[in-house]
Protein backbone atom coordinates (compact mmCIF):
# COMPACT_ATOMS: atom_id res chain seq x y z
CA MET A 1 -13.09 -20.84 -24.08
CA GLY A 2 -10.02 -19.96 -22.07
CA LYS A 3 -9.05 -16.51 -20.89
CA LEU A 4 -5.93 -15.34 -19.05
CA THR A 5 -6.17 -11.83 -17.58
CA PHE A 6 -3.26 -9.71 -16.36
CA VAL A 7 -3.79 -6.54 -14.27
CA PHE A 8 -0.54 -4.90 -13.25
CA ASN A 9 0.21 -2.74 -10.23
CA GLN A 10 1.24 0.54 -11.83
CA GLU A 11 3.09 1.84 -8.75
CA LYS A 12 5.25 -1.28 -8.51
CA LEU A 13 6.01 -1.13 -12.24
CA LYS A 14 7.00 2.52 -12.00
CA LYS A 15 9.16 1.92 -8.93
CA GLU A 16 11.08 -0.85 -10.76
CA HIS A 17 11.21 1.12 -14.06
CA LYS A 18 9.15 -1.48 -15.91
CA SER A 19 6.08 -1.20 -18.10
CA GLU A 20 3.06 -3.37 -18.85
CA ASN A 21 4.49 -3.87 -22.32
CA ASP A 22 7.73 -5.22 -20.82
CA LEU A 23 5.85 -7.80 -18.77
CA LEU A 24 3.29 -8.66 -21.45
CA TYR A 25 5.97 -9.21 -24.09
CA PRO A 26 6.61 -12.90 -23.18
CA MET A 27 2.86 -13.61 -23.22
CA ARG A 28 2.43 -11.80 -26.52
CA GLN A 29 5.20 -13.89 -28.08
CA PHE A 30 3.65 -17.05 -26.64
CA ALA A 31 0.23 -15.99 -27.92
CA LYS A 32 1.56 -15.37 -31.41
CA GLU A 33 3.14 -18.83 -31.47
CA TYR A 34 -0.06 -20.63 -30.35
CA GLY A 35 -2.81 -18.60 -32.00
CA ILE A 36 -4.00 -16.98 -28.76
CA GLU A 37 -5.72 -13.62 -29.27
CA GLU A 38 -5.14 -10.55 -27.10
CA THR A 39 -8.73 -9.26 -27.03
CA SER A 40 -7.83 -6.18 -24.96
CA THR A 41 -4.66 -5.09 -23.19
CA GLY A 42 -3.61 -7.92 -20.91
CA VAL A 43 -6.54 -10.22 -21.79
CA PHE A 44 -5.68 -13.31 -23.84
CA GLU A 45 -8.30 -15.74 -25.15
CA ILE A 46 -8.39 -19.01 -27.04
CA ASP A 47 -11.08 -21.57 -27.86
CA GLY A 48 -10.64 -25.30 -27.83
CA ASN A 49 -9.75 -28.25 -25.69
CA ASN A 50 -6.15 -27.09 -25.24
CA ALA A 51 -7.07 -23.72 -23.70
CA PHE A 52 -6.27 -24.73 -20.12
CA ALA A 53 -3.03 -26.48 -21.06
CA LEU A 54 -1.78 -23.58 -23.18
CA LEU A 55 -2.73 -20.70 -20.90
CA GLY A 56 -1.86 -22.57 -17.70
CA GLY A 57 1.40 -23.67 -19.26
CA PHE A 58 2.40 -20.06 -19.80
CA VAL A 59 1.71 -19.28 -16.14
CA ALA A 60 3.88 -22.18 -15.03
CA ASP A 61 6.68 -21.29 -17.45
CA ILE A 62 6.89 -17.57 -16.65
CA THR A 63 6.73 -18.06 -12.88
CA ASP A 64 9.43 -20.71 -13.03
CA GLU A 65 11.58 -18.51 -15.27
CA ASP A 66 11.09 -15.18 -13.43
CA HIS A 67 10.21 -15.45 -9.76
CA SER A 68 9.66 -11.69 -9.48
CA TYR A 69 6.95 -11.64 -12.20
CA VAL A 70 4.08 -12.25 -9.80
CA LYS A 71 4.93 -9.28 -7.57
CA PHE A 72 3.93 -6.84 -10.32
CA LEU A 73 0.38 -8.16 -10.64
CA ASP A 74 -2.77 -7.01 -8.84
CA LYS A 75 -4.89 -9.58 -10.63
CA TRP A 76 -3.92 -12.61 -12.68
CA GLU A 77 -6.75 -14.98 -13.47
CA LEU A 78 -7.13 -18.03 -15.63
CA ASP A 79 -10.75 -18.63 -16.62
CA VAL A 80 -11.51 -21.83 -18.48
CA GLY A 81 -15.17 -22.64 -19.00
CA GLY A 82 -16.20 -20.43 -16.07
CA ILE A 83 -13.79 -22.10 -13.63
CA ILE A 84 -11.49 -19.35 -12.40
CA ASP A 85 -8.02 -19.89 -10.93
CA ASP A 86 -6.21 -17.11 -9.08
CA CYS A 87 -2.75 -17.41 -10.61
CA ILE A 88 -1.21 -15.07 -8.03
CA GLU A 89 -2.41 -17.19 -5.13
CA ASP A 90 -1.45 -20.43 -6.87
CA THR A 91 2.02 -19.12 -7.70
CA LEU A 92 2.67 -17.82 -4.20
CA ASP A 93 1.51 -21.15 -2.73
CA TRP A 94 3.93 -23.00 -5.01
CA TYR A 95 6.77 -20.61 -4.09
CA ARG A 96 6.12 -21.17 -0.37
CA GLU A 97 6.15 -24.95 -0.86
CA GLU A 98 9.44 -24.73 -2.77
CA GLY A 99 11.02 -22.18 -0.43
CA ILE A 100 11.26 -19.53 -3.14
CA ALA A 101 11.32 -15.96 -1.80
CA VAL A 102 9.76 -13.12 -3.80
């Protein structure tokens, strides 16, 4: 079982005139394409051997496409089989290595 959880910072969203729905839209489209279920707002789950590749792939794609995405999140976790990755920390580490400012 794989689960990707998004918790957004409401103050930052409001300040930038964005909504959770705006930022969840790309994930919802991705989920629809790959049979990933949104079990509650901002929580996406899928069973199977491809869970890590699919969910982790979305994280990589969205952070490469939109460098500001991560700044709107208070929590962003990828849980596959009980192994939890902090996607915020991982993304910020990658940005530092690549010299990407957010």
